[in-house]
Protein backbone atom coordinates (compact mmCIF):
# COMPACT_ATOMS: atom_id res chain seq x y z
CA MET A 1 158.55 -23.73 22.34
CA ARG A 2 160.73 -23.07 25.51
CA ARG A 3 160.13 -19.35 25.20
CA VAL A 4 156.30 -19.82 25.33
CA MET A 5 156.45 -21.94 28.32
CA ALA A 6 158.81 -19.69 30.27
CA LYS A 7 156.33 -16.93 29.62
CA SER A 8 153.44 -18.75 31.03
CA GLN A 9 155.40 -19.79 34.07
CA LYS A 10 155.93 -16.23 35.16
CA GLY A 11 152.28 -15.62 35.93
CA VAL A 12 152.13 -18.95 37.91
CA ALA A 13 155.22 -18.09 39.96
CA LEU A 14 153.68 -14.64 40.92
CA ILE A 15 150.47 -16.33 41.96
CA VAL A 16 152.26 -18.88 44.11
CA ILE A 17 154.11 -16.14 45.82
CA LEU A 18 151.02 -14.23 46.53
CA LEU A 19 149.27 -17.29 47.97
CA LEU A 20 152.37 -17.88 50.28
CA LEU A 21 152.18 -14.26 51.34
CA ALA A 22 148.43 -14.48 52.11
CA ILE A 23 149.05 -17.70 54.16
CA MET A 24 151.81 -16.06 56.18
CA VAL A 25 149.70 -13.02 56.85
CA SER A 26 146.79 -15.11 58.00
CA ILE A 27 149.07 -17.22 60.32
CA ALA A 28 150.54 -13.98 61.67
CA ALA A 29 147.24 -12.48 62.37
CA THR A 30 145.95 -15.65 64.17
CA MET A 31 149.08 -15.62 66.40
CA SER A 32 148.55 -12.08 67.17
CA GLU A 33 145.15 -12.70 68.17
CA ARG A 34 145.97 -15.66 70.38
CA LEU A 35 148.74 -13.72 71.97
CA PHE A 36 146.37 -10.82 72.80
CA SER A 37 143.56 -13.02 74.18
CA GLN A 38 146.25 -14.80 76.43
CA PHE A 39 147.49 -11.58 77.75
CA THR A 40 143.89 -10.55 78.43
CA ARG A 41 143.29 -13.89 80.26
CA ALA A 42 146.40 -13.59 82.36
CA SER A 43 145.51 -9.88 83.28
CA ASN A 44 141.88 -10.96 84.31
CA GLN A 45 143.34 -13.67 86.50
CA VAL A 46 145.68 -11.27 88.26
CA ASN A 47 142.89 -8.90 88.81
CA TYR A 48 140.56 -11.67 90.26
CA GLN A 49 143.25 -12.81 92.60
CA GLN A 50 143.84 -9.14 93.72
CA ALA A 51 140.20 -8.73 94.44
CA TYR A 52 139.96 -12.10 96.25
CA TRP A 53 142.93 -11.07 98.60
CA TYR A 54 141.46 -7.58 99.20
CA ALA A 55 138.13 -9.28 100.26
CA ILE A 56 140.01 -11.56 102.57
CA GLY A 57 142.00 -8.70 104.03
CA VAL A 58 138.80 -6.71 104.62
CA GLU A 59 137.08 -9.57 106.15
CA ALA A 60 140.04 -9.99 108.55
CA LEU A 61 139.92 -6.35 109.32
CA ALA A 62 136.30 -6.56 110.29
CA SER A 63 137.00 -9.60 112.49
CA VAL A 64 139.63 -7.69 114.30
CA ALA A 65 137.43 -4.59 114.81
CA ILE A 66 134.61 -6.90 116.34
CA LYS A 67 137.17 -8.64 118.64
CA GLU A 68 138.78 -5.38 119.83
CA SER A 69 135.18 -4.16 120.51
CA TYR A 70 134.53 -7.17 122.50
CA LYS A 71 137.68 -6.83 124.53
CA ASP A 72 136.73 -3.30 125.40
CA ASN A 73 133.18 -4.15 126.66
CA LYS A 74 132.83 -8.08 127.46
CA ASP A 75 129.28 -7.61 129.00
CA SER A 76 127.62 -6.73 125.70
CA VAL A 77 127.90 -6.29 121.91
CA ASN A 78 125.79 -3.46 120.81
CA LEU A 79 125.37 -1.05 117.91
CA ASN A 80 127.15 1.71 119.67
CA GLN A 81 130.54 0.02 119.44
CA PRO A 82 133.13 1.21 116.67
CA TRP A 83 132.47 -1.92 114.51
CA ALA A 84 128.90 -0.68 113.86
CA ILE A 85 129.68 2.58 112.35
CA GLU A 86 127.62 3.02 109.15
CA GLU A 87 130.26 2.87 106.47
CA ARG A 88 133.87 2.99 106.32
CA THR A 89 136.30 3.66 103.49
CA TYR A 90 139.90 2.35 103.22
CA PRO A 91 142.35 3.37 100.57
CA LEU A 92 143.91 0.81 98.44
CA ASP A 93 146.62 1.07 95.68
CA TYR A 94 144.28 1.75 92.71
CA GLY A 95 141.00 2.41 94.50
CA GLU A 96 139.30 2.08 97.73
CA ALA A 97 137.34 -0.56 99.67
CA THR A 98 134.02 0.65 101.24
CA GLY A 99 131.81 -1.32 103.44
CA TYR A 100 129.94 -1.72 106.71
CA ILE A 101 129.20 -4.65 109.08
CA ARG A 102 125.49 -5.40 109.61
CA ASP A 103 124.27 -7.19 112.66
CA MET A 104 122.11 -9.97 111.36
CA GLN A 105 120.98 -11.53 114.65
CA ALA A 106 117.63 -9.98 114.70
CA CYS A 107 116.85 -10.68 111.16
CA PHE A 108 114.10 -13.08 110.21
CA ASN A 109 115.53 -16.29 108.64
CA ILE A 110 113.01 -17.57 106.13
CA ASN A 111 115.22 -20.72 105.50
CA ALA A 112 114.19 -21.86 109.02
CA LEU A 113 110.72 -22.42 107.72
CA SER A 114 111.81 -25.06 105.30
CA THR A 115 112.14 -27.62 107.96
CA VAL A 116 108.93 -26.98 109.74
CA GLN A 117 106.36 -29.86 109.59
CA PRO A 118 102.89 -28.43 109.93
CA ALA A 119 100.27 -30.24 111.97
CA THR A 120 97.33 -31.72 110.24
CA ASN A 121 94.87 -29.31 111.85
CA SER A 122 95.06 -26.01 110.14
CA ALA A 123 93.98 -24.11 113.23
CA THR A 124 97.09 -25.22 115.12
CA LYS A 125 99.47 -24.39 112.38
CA PRO A 126 101.67 -21.29 112.93
CA PHE A 127 100.57 -18.18 111.18
CA LEU A 128 103.67 -18.05 108.78
CA VAL A 129 103.24 -21.62 107.92
CA ARG A 130 99.63 -21.02 106.92
CA PHE A 131 100.29 -17.96 104.87
CA PHE A 132 103.45 -19.09 103.25
CA PRO A 133 102.98 -22.56 102.10
CA LYS A 134 105.89 -24.77 101.10
CA ALA A 135 106.43 -24.93 97.29
CA ALA A 136 105.85 -28.44 96.22
């Protein structure tokens, strides 16, 4: 009787070991996936911070360029000054920053129309208020 029972237990032990092995492999795969996703997340955060500080640096560089141009000619600020050059490229560690400064003083600000209160008589309304009605 013992021999018959011992033979049937060999198959059960093999199945239990295979189940434990499958569980261990799935746990290891999950841990590896989480480690990789955390590494990717940290790498993305580092790249984001680096891009942010590059943007802050380029903004400060543009500010210094405008201030220096103003020191040279205090009478006027015009598009013939060095800050108004079309496009500049500055080398960085693993790339380059390219940009230009645009004078937005003469641009039309459509947001200013949002506070305009039109008169009741349509003949006295400004042209833009008549043809660009406020979205209700």
